[in-house]
């Protein structure tokens, strides 16, 4: 699934850069990943420069797996994981 993941990461990179350019000297760009699954897109957003990343997953077994994936990639302090419905 590498081509799709590369496209997602490229889209995140371009969007984060465009938002940063719109507010120079601002407080950065925040990303909300609803239905994070493994946390992959949240981690990509952080890697591409998002200053704040919140990942939300309501299915607890999947949320716990995301927590482990995020920790295994050294991003636990950088991504806020919310283990409940986004509503």
PDB file of N, CA and C in Angstrom:
ATOM      1  N   UNK A   1       0.819  -1.202   0.000  1.00  0.00           N
ATOM      2  CA  UNK A   1       0.000   0.000   0.000  1.00  0.00           C
ATOM      3  C   UNK A   1       0.861   1.264   0.000  1.00  0.00           C
ATOM      4  N   UNK A   2       2.096   1.102  -0.375  1.00  0.00           N
ATOM      5  CA  UNK A   2       3.052   2.208  -0.339  1.00  0.00           C
ATOM      6  C   UNK A   2       2.631   3.412  -1.178  1.00  0.00           C
ATOM      7  N   UNK A   3       2.136   3.234  -2.407  1.00  0.00           N
ATOM      8  CA  UNK A   3       1.746   4.416  -3.196  1.00  0.00           C
ATOM      9  C   UNK A   3       0.654   5.253  -2.518  1.00  0.00           C
ATOM     10  N   UNK A   4      -0.316   4.588  -1.922  1.00  0.00           N
ATOM     11  CA  UNK A   4      -1.383   5.331  -1.243  1.00  0.00           C
ATOM     12  C   UNK A   4      -0.852   6.065  -0.019  1.00  0.00           C
ATOM     13  N   UNK A   5      -0.001   5.410   0.768  1.00  0.00           N
ATOM     14  CA  UNK A   5       0.574   6.063   1.944  1.00  0.00           C
ATOM     15  C   UNK A   5       1.446   7.250   1.545  1.00  0.00           C
ATOM     16  N   UNK A   6       2.197   7.108   0.470  1.00  0.00           N
ATOM     17  CA  UNK A   6       3.018   8.224  -0.010  1.00  0.00           C
ATOM     18  C   UNK A   6       2.138   9.390  -0.445  1.00  0.00           C
ATOM     19  N   UNK A   7       0.997   9.083  -1.068  1.00  0.00           N
ATOM     20  CA  UNK A   7       0.077  10.147  -1.489  1.00  0.00           C
ATOM     21  C   UNK A   7      -0.517  10.858  -0.278  1.00  0.00           C
ATOM     22  N   UNK A   8      -0.892  10.103   0.750  1.00  0.00           N
ATOM     23  CA  UNK A   8      -1.405  10.714   1.977  1.00  0.00           C
ATOM     24  C   UNK A   8      -0.354  11.621   2.614  1.00  0.00           C
ATOM     25  N   UNK A   9       0.857  11.110   2.708  1.00  0.00           N
ATOM     26  CA  UNK A   9       1.915  11.897   3.347  1.00  0.00           C
ATOM     27  C   UNK A   9       2.224  13.162   2.540  1.00  0.00           C
ATOM     28  N   UNK A  10       2.223  13.040   1.235  1.00  0.00           N
ATOM     29  CA  UNK A  10       2.448  14.212   0.389  1.00  0.00           C
ATOM     30  C   UNK A  10       1.332  15.240   0.582  1.00  0.00           C
ATOM     31  N   UNK A  11       0.100  14.763   0.652  1.00  0.00           N
ATOM     32  CA  UNK A  11      -1.027  15.670   0.885  1.00  0.00           C
ATOM     33  C   UNK A  11      -0.943  16.363   2.238  1.00  0.00           C
ATOM     34  N   UNK A  12      -0.558  15.620   3.255  1.00  0.00           N
ATOM     35  CA  UNK A  12      -0.375  16.221   4.583  1.00  0.00           C
ATOM     36  C   UNK A  12       0.737  17.261   4.551  1.00  0.00           C
ATOM     37  N   UNK A  13       1.844  16.923   3.917  1.00  0.00           N
ATOM     38  CA  UNK A  13       2.988  17.841   3.825  1.00  0.00           C
ATOM     39  C   UNK A  13       2.566  19.148   3.155  1.00  0.00           C
ATOM     40  N   UNK A  14       1.919  19.044   1.997  1.00  0.00           N
ATOM     41  CA  UNK A  14       1.515  20.243   1.256  1.00  0.00           C
ATOM     42  C   UNK A  14       0.494  21.070   2.031  1.00  0.00           C
ATOM     43  N   UNK A  15      -0.442  20.410   2.674  1.00  0.00           N
ATOM     44  CA  UNK A  15      -1.477  21.132   3.417  1.00  0.00           C
ATOM     45  C   UNK A  15      -0.899  21.821   4.647  1.00  0.00           C
ATOM     46  N   UNK A  16      -0.060  21.129   5.389  1.00  0.00           N
ATOM     47  CA  UNK A  16       0.558  21.732   6.577  1.00  0.00           C
ATOM     48  C   UNK A  16       1.410  22.930   6.177  1.00  0.00           C
ATOM     49  N   UNK A  17       2.199  22.799   5.112  1.00  0.00           N
ATOM     50  CA  UNK A  17       3.026  23.927   4.646  1.00  0.00           C
ATOM     51  C   UNK A  17       2.159  25.110   4.221  1.00  0.00           C
ATOM     52  N   UNK A  18       1.068  24.833   3.503  1.00  0.00           N
ATOM     53  CA  UNK A  18       0.179  25.911   3.048  1.00  0.00           C
ATOM     54  C   UNK A  18      -0.469  26.620   4.228  1.00  0.00           C
ATOM     55  N   UNK A  19      -0.893  25.874   5.230  1.00  0.00           N
ATOM     56  CA  UNK A  19      -1.510  26.495   6.409  1.00  0.00           C
ATOM     57  C   UNK A  19      -0.487  27.304   7.204  1.00  0.00           C
ATOM     58  N   UNK A  20       0.733  26.802   7.311  1.00  0.00           N
ATOM     59  CA  UNK A  20       1.791  27.550   7.998  1.00  0.00           C
ATOM     60  C   UNK A  20       2.069  28.870   7.283  1.00  0.00           C
ATOM     61  N   UNK A  21       2.046  28.834   5.965  1.00  0.00           N
ATOM     62  CA  UNK A  21       2.324  30.045   5.181  1.00  0.00           C
ATOM     63  C   UNK A  21       1.230  31.094   5.363  1.00  0.00           C
ATOM     64  N   UNK A  22       0.016  30.656   5.665  1.00  0.00           N
ATOM     65  CA  UNK A  22      -1.107  31.581   5.846  1.00  0.00           C
ATOM     66  C   UNK A  22      -1.055  32.311   7.174  1.00  0.00           C
ATOM     67  N   UNK A  23      -0.334  31.754   8.134  1.00  0.00           N
ATOM     68  CA  UNK A  23      -0.262  32.402   9.445  1.00  0.00           C
ATOM     69  C   UNK A  23       1.168  32.403   9.974  1.00  0.00           C
ATOM     70  N   UNK A  24       2.028  33.183   9.316  1.00  0.00           N
ATOM     71  CA  UNK A  24       3.418  33.249   9.783  1.00  0.00           C
ATOM     72  C   UNK A  24       3.485  33.780  11.215  1.00  0.00           C
ATOM     73  N   UNK A  25       4.354  33.180  12.004  1.00  0.00           N
ATOM     74  CA  UNK A  25       4.493  33.592  13.399  1.00  0.00           C
ATOM     75  C   UNK A  25       3.352  33.109  14.266  1.00  0.00           C
ATOM     76  N   UNK A  26       2.475  32.289  13.688  1.00  0.00           N
ATOM     77  CA  UNK A  26       1.333  31.775  14.442  1.00  0.00           C
ATOM     78  C   UNK A  26       1.735  30.659  15.380  1.00  0.00           C
ATOM     79  N   UNK A  27       0.745  29.979  15.887  1.00  0.00           N
ATOM     80  CA  UNK A  27       1.012  28.915  16.860  1.00  0.00           C
ATOM     81  C   UNK A  27       1.087  27.535  16.209  1.00  0.00           C
ATOM     82  N   UNK A  28       1.354  27.491  14.914  1.00  0.00           N
ATOM     83  CA  UNK A  28       1.517  26.218  14.228  1.00  0.00           C
ATOM     84  C   UNK A  28       0.212  25.678  13.690  1.00  0.00           C
ATOM     85  N   UNK A  29       0.265  24.459  13.246  1.00  0.00           N
ATOM     86  CA  UNK A  29      -0.876  23.810  12.608  1.00  0.00           C
ATOM     87  C   UNK A  29      -1.280  22.602  13.440  1.00  0.00           C
ATOM     88  N   UNK A  30      -2.562  22.516  13.752  1.00  0.00           N
ATOM     89  CA  UNK A  30      -3.097  21.374  14.476  1.00  0.00           C
ATOM     90  C   UNK A  30      -3.790  20.418  13.525  1.00  0.00           C
ATOM     91  N   UNK A  31      -3.686  19.132  13.813  1.00  0.00           N
ATOM     92  CA  UNK A  31      -4.321  18.095  13.005  1.00  0.00           C
ATOM     93  C   UNK A  31      -5.157  17.216  13.917  1.00  0.00           C
ATOM     94  N   UNK A  32      -6.387  16.912  13.480  1.00  0.00           N
ATOM     95  CA  UNK A  32      -7.279  15.990  14.179  1.00  0.00           C
ATOM     96  C   UNK A  32      -7.510  14.801  13.271  1.00  0.00           C
ATOM     97  N   UNK A  33      -7.129  13.623  13.721  1.00  0.00           N
ATOM     98  CA  UNK A  33      -7.286  12.376  12.964  1.00  0.00           C
ATOM     99  C   UNK A  33      -8.418  11.584  13.610  1.00  0.00           C
ATOM    100  N   UNK A  34      -9.608  11.635  12.998  1.00  0.00           N
ATOM    101  CA  UNK A  34     -10.774  10.923  13.535  1.00  0.00           C
ATOM    102  C   UNK A  34     -10.827   9.531  12.933  1.00  0.00           C
ATOM    103  N   UNK A  35     -10.933   8.530  13.796  1.00  0.00           N
ATOM    104  CA  UNK A  35     -10.898   7.144  13.339  1.00  0.00           C
ATOM    105  C   UNK A  35      -9.478   6.775  12.957  1.00  0.00           C
ATOM    106  N   UNK A  36      -8.566   7.007  13.876  1.00  0.00           N
ATOM    107  CA  UNK A  36      -7.128   6.906  13.582  1.00  0.00           C
ATOM    108  C   UNK A  36      -6.658   5.507  13.219  1.00  0.00           C
ATOM    109  N   UNK A  37      -7.379   4.483  13.640  1.00  0.00           N
ATOM    110  CA  UNK A  37      -6.907   3.119  13.350  1.00  0.00           C
ATOM    111  C   UNK A  37      -5.562   2.895  14.005  1.00  0.00           C
ATOM    112  N   UNK A  38      -4.553   2.588  13.212  1.00  0.00           N
ATOM    113  CA  UNK A  38      -3.215   2.320  13.759  1.00  0.00           C
ATOM    114  C   UNK A  38      -2.472   3.586  14.174  1.00  0.00           C
ATOM    115  N   UNK A  39      -3.002   4.753  13.793  1.00  0.00           N
ATOM    116  CA  UNK A  39      -2.332   6.009  14.111  1.00  0.00           C
ATOM    117  C   UNK A  39      -1.381   6.467  13.018  1.00  0.00           C
ATOM    118  N   UNK A  40      -1.385   5.777  11.887  1.00  0.00           N
ATOM    119  CA  UNK A  40      -0.426   6.074  10.829  1.00  0.00           C
ATOM    120  C   UNK A  40      -0.529   7.514  10.326  1.00  0.00           C
ATOM    121  N   UNK A  41      -1.732   7.985  10.022  1.00  0.00           N
ATOM    122  CA  UNK A  41      -1.862   9.347   9.494  1.00  0.00           C
ATOM    123  C   UNK A  41      -1.499  10.385  10.556  1.00  0.00           C
ATOM    124  N   UNK A  42      -1.822  10.113  11.809  1.00  0.00           N
ATOM    125  CA  UNK A  42      -1.438  11.032  12.886  1.00  0.00           C
ATOM    126  C   UNK A  42       0.084  11.141  12.970  1.00  0.00           C
ATOM    127  N   UNK A  43       0.756  10.002  12.867  1.00  0.00           N
ATOM    128  CA  UNK A  43       2.217  10.020  12.915  1.00  0.00           C
ATOM    129  C   UNK A  43       2.799  10.728  11.696  1.00  0.00           C
ATOM    130  N   UNK A  44       2.193  10.523  10.533  1.00  0.00           N
ATOM    131  CA  UNK A  44       2.650  11.238   9.336  1.00  0.00           C
ATOM    132  C   UNK A  44       2.495  12.744   9.518  1.00  0.00           C
ATOM    133  N   UNK A  45       1.359  13.163  10.067  1.00  0.00           N
ATOM    134  CA  UNK A  45       1.114  14.596  10.276  1.00  0.00           C
ATOM    135  C   UNK A  45       2.172  15.193  11.188  1.00  0.00           C
ATOM    136  N   UNK A  46       2.499  14.487  12.246  1.00  0.00           N
ATOM    137  CA  UNK A  46       3.530  14.988  13.165  1.00  0.00           C
ATOM    138  C   UNK A  46       4.883  15.050  12.466  1.00  0.00           C
ATOM    139  N   UNK A  47       5.208  14.008  11.733  1.00  0.00           N
ATOM    140  CA  UNK A  47       6.484  13.963  11.022  1.00  0.00           C
ATOM    141  C   UNK A  47       6.581  15.083   9.982  1.00  0.00           C
ATOM    142  N   UNK A  48       5.449  15.474   9.421  1.00  0.00           N
ATOM    143  CA  UNK A  48       5.440  16.528   8.396  1.00  0.00           C
ATOM    144  C   UNK A  48       5.336  17.929   8.981  1.00  0.00           C
ATOM    145  N   UNK A  49       5.367  18.053  10.309  1.00  0.00           N
ATOM    146  CA  UNK A  49       5.484  19.370  10.912  1.00  0.00           C
ATOM    147  C   UNK A  49       4.276  19.913  11.654  1.00  0.00           C
ATOM    148  N   UNK A  50       3.225  19.129  11.794  1.00  0.00           N
ATOM    149  CA  UNK A  50       2.083  19.609  12.586  1.00  0.00           C
ATOM    150  C   UNK A  50       2.549  19.847  14.020  1.00  0.00           C
ATOM    151  N   UNK A  51       2.144  20.977  14.583  1.00  0.00           N
ATOM    152  CA  UNK A  51       2.593  21.298  15.938  1.00  0.00           C
ATOM    153  C   UNK A  51       1.745  20.594  16.997  1.00  0.00           C
ATOM    154  N   UNK A  52       0.504  20.303  16.659  1.00  0.00           N
ATOM    155  CA  UNK A  52      -0.397  19.595  17.571  1.00  0.00           C
ATOM    156  C   UNK A  52      -1.131  18.514  16.786  1.00  0.00           C
ATOM    157  N   UNK A  53      -1.128  17.296  17.314  1.00  0.00           N
ATOM    158  CA  UNK A  53      -1.845  16.201  16.655  1.00  0.00           C
ATOM    159  C   UNK A  53      -2.680  15.490  17.703  1.00  0.00           C
ATOM    160  N   UNK A  54      -3.978  15.369  17.406  1.00  0.00           N
ATOM    161  CA  UNK A  54      -4.886  14.599  18.244  1.00  0.00           C
ATOM    162  C   UNK A  54      -5.458  13.480  17.382  1.00  0.00           C
ATOM    163  N   UNK A  55      -5.359  12.260  17.872  1.00  0.00           N
ATOM    164  CA  UNK A  55      -5.889  11.089  17.179  1.00  0.00           C
ATOM    165  C   UNK A  55      -7.028  10.528  18.017  1.00  0.00           C
ATOM    166  N   UNK A  56      -8.136  10.230  17.372  1.00  0.00           N
ATOM    167  CA  UNK A  56      -9.319   9.753  18.074  1.00  0.00           C
ATOM    168  C   UNK A  56      -9.719   8.387  17.521  1.00  0.00           C
ATOM    169  N   UNK A  57      -9.935   7.424  18.413  1.00  0.00           N
ATOM    170  CA  UNK A  57     -10.378   6.082  18.015  1.00  0.00           C
ATOM    171  C   UNK A  57     -11.333   5.553  19.083  1.00  0.00           C
ATOM    172  N   UNK A  58     -12.538   5.160  18.667  1.00  0.00           N
ATOM    173  CA  UNK A  58     -13.546   4.746  19.645  1.00  0.00           C
ATOM    174  C   UNK A  58     -13.521   3.244  19.931  1.00  0.00           C
ATOM    175  N   UNK A  59     -12.991   2.432  19.039  1.00  0.00           N
ATOM    176  CA  UNK A  59     -12.955   0.987  19.253  1.00  0.00           C
ATOM    177  C   UNK A  59     -11.712   0.667  20.082  1.00  0.00           C
ATOM    178  N   UNK A  60     -11.930   0.345  21.345  1.00  0.00           N
ATOM    179  CA  UNK A  60     -10.817   0.253  22.303  1.00  0.00           C
ATOM    180  C   UNK A  60      -9.689  -0.694  21.905  1.00  0.00           C
ATOM    181  N   UNK A  61      -9.957  -1.881  21.360  1.00  0.00           N
ATOM    182  CA  UNK A  61      -8.820  -2.717  20.949  1.00  0.00           C
ATOM    183  C   UNK A  61      -7.953  -2.038  19.886  1.00  0.00           C
ATOM    184  N   UNK A  62      -8.582  -1.320  18.968  1.00  0.00           N
ATOM    185  CA  UNK A  62      -7.831  -0.611  17.934  1.00  0.00           C
ATOM    186  C   UNK A  62      -7.101   0.586  18.545  1.00  0.00           C
ATOM    187  N   UNK A  63      -7.756   1.284  19.466  1.00  0.00           N
ATOM    188  CA  UNK A  63      -7.130   2.430  20.136  1.00  0.00           C
ATOM    189  C   UNK A  63      -5.891   1.988  20.903  1.00  0.00           C
ATOM    190  N   UNK A  64      -5.982   0.841  21.544  1.00  0.00           N
ATOM    191  CA  UNK A  64      -4.810   0.341  22.284  1.00  0.00           C
ATOM    192  C   UNK A  64      -3.672  -0.038  21.326  1.00  0.00           C
ATOM    193  N   UNK A  65      -4.036  -0.596  20.180  1.00  0.00           N
ATOM    194  CA  UNK A  65      -3.019  -0.909  19.172  1.00  0.00           C
ATOM    195  C   UNK A  65      -2.376   0.381  18.656  1.00  0.00           C
ATOM    196  N   UNK A  66      -3.183   1.419  18.448  1.00  0.00           N
ATOM    197  CA  UNK A  66      -2.641   2.717  18.013  1.00  0.00           C
ATOM    198  C   UNK A  66      -1.684   3.260  19.061  1.00  0.00           C
ATOM    199  N   UNK A  67      -2.060   3.141  20.314  1.00  0.00           N
ATOM    200  CA  UNK A  67      -1.201   3.612  21.411  1.00  0.00           C
ATOM    201  C   UNK A  67       0.160   2.922  21.354  1.00  0.00           C
ATOM    202  N   UNK A  68       0.153   1.620  21.095  1.00  0.00           N
ATOM    203  CA  UNK A  68       1.404   0.866  21.001  1.00  0.00           C
ATOM    204  C   UNK A  68       2.217   1.280  19.777  1.00  0.00           C
ATOM    205  N   UNK A  69       1.548   1.470  18.636  1.00  0.00           N
ATOM    206  CA  UNK A  69       2.251   1.888  17.411  1.00  0.00           C
ATOM    207  C   UNK A  69       2.882   3.267  17.580  1.00  0.00           C
ATOM    208  N   UNK A  70       2.118   4.172  18.174  1.00  0.00           N
ATOM    209  CA  UNK A  70       2.616   5.533  18.389  1.00  0.00           C
ATOM    210  C   UNK A  70       3.820   5.506  19.334  1.00  0.00           C
ATOM    211  N   UNK A  71       3.721   4.708  20.390  1.00  0.00           N
ATOM    212  CA  UNK A  71       4.839   4.585  21.344  1.00  0.00           C
ATOM    213  C   UNK A  71       6.053   3.947  20.683  1.00  0.00           C
ATOM    214  N   UNK A  72       5.831   2.911  19.881  1.00  0.00           N
ATOM    215  CA  UNK A  72       6.940   2.219  19.221  1.00  0.00           C
ATOM    216  C   UNK A  72       7.692   3.149  18.268  1.00  0.00           C
ATOM    217  N   UNK A  73       7.009   4.193  17.796  1.00  0.00           N
ATOM    218  CA  UNK A  73       7.635   5.165  16.901  1.00  0.00           C
ATOM    219  C   UNK A  73       8.115   6.412  17.638  1.00  0.00           C
ATOM    220  N   UNK A  74       8.107   6.360  18.967  1.00  0.00           N
ATOM    221  CA  UNK A  74       8.649   7.449  19.770  1.00  0.00           C
ATOM    222  C   UNK A  74       7.834   8.726  19.730  1.00  0.00           C
ATOM    223  N   UNK A  75       6.521   8.617  19.508  1.00  0.00           N
ATOM    224  CA  UNK A  75       5.701   9.817  19.363  1.00  0.00           C
ATOM    225  C   UNK A  75       4.630   9.970  20.437  1.00  0.00           C
ATOM    226  N   UNK A  76       4.730   9.224  21.512  1.00  0.00           N
ATOM    227  CA  UNK A  76       3.712   9.294  22.567  1.00  0.00           C
ATOM    228  C   UNK A  76       3.559  10.691  23.149  1.00  0.00           C
ATOM    229  N   UNK A  77       4.663  11.401  23.277  1.00  0.00           N
ATOM    230  CA  UNK A  77       4.604  12.757  23.841  1.00  0.00           C
ATOM    231  C   UNK A  77       4.091  13.777  22.832  1.00  0.00           C
ATOM    232  N   UNK A  78       4.073  13.404  21.554  1.00  0.00           N
ATOM    233  CA  UNK A  78       3.726  14.351  20.497  1.00  0.00           C
ATOM    234  C   UNK A  78       2.295  14.215  19.980  1.00  0.00           C
ATOM    235  N   UNK A  79       1.662  13.075  20.231  1.00  0.00           N
ATOM    236  CA  UNK A  79       0.322  12.812  19.709  1.00  0.00           C
ATOM    237  C   UNK A  79      -0.606  12.505  20.874  1.00  0.00           C
ATOM    238  N   UNK A  80      -1.671  13.285  20.974  1.00  0.00           N
ATOM    239  CA  UNK A  80      -2.670  13.034  22.007  1.00  0.00           C
ATOM    240  C   UNK A  80      -3.662  12.017  21.454  1.00  0.00           C
ATOM    241  N   UNK A  81      -3.753  10.863  22.096  1.00  0.00           N
ATOM    242  CA  UNK A  81      -4.667   9.816  21.665  1.00  0.00           C
ATOM    243  C   UNK A  81      -5.912   9.839  22.554  1.00  0.00           C
ATOM    244  N   UNK A  82      -7.061  10.003  21.925  1.00  0.00           N
ATOM    245  CA  UNK A  82      -8.343  10.025  22.634  1.00  0.00           C
ATOM    246  C   UNK A  82      -9.042   8.712  22.327  1.00  0.00           C
ATOM    247  N   UNK A  83      -9.250   7.901  23.361  1.00  0.00           N
ATOM    248  CA  UNK A  83      -9.853   6.582  23.181  1.00  0.00           C
ATOM    249  C   UNK A  83     -11.350   6.642  23.459  1.00  0.00           C
ATOM    250  N   UNK A  84     -12.074   7.274  22.546  1.00  0.00           N
ATOM    251  CA  UNK A  84     -13.536   7.347  22.643  1.00  0.00           C
ATOM    252  C   UNK A  84     -14.078   7.916  21.334  1.00  0.00           C
ATOM    253  N   UNK A  85     -15.382   7.952  21.231  1.00  0.00           N
ATOM    254  CA  UNK A  85     -16.012   8.487  20.023  1.00  0.00           C
ATOM    255  C   UNK A  85     -15.701   9.970  19.895  1.00  0.00           C
ATOM    256  N   UNK A  86     -15.663  10.449  18.688  1.00  0.00           N
ATOM    257  CA  UNK A  86     -15.307  11.850  18.430  1.00  0.00           C
ATOM    258  C   UNK A  86     -16.453  12.804  18.696  1.00  0.00           C
ATOM    259  N   UNK A  87     -17.623  12.308  18.971  1.00  0.00           N
ATOM    260  CA  UNK A  87     -18.789  13.184  19.207  1.00  0.00           C
ATOM    261  C   UNK A  87     -18.852  13.687  20.627  1.00  0.00           C
TER     262      UNK A  87
END
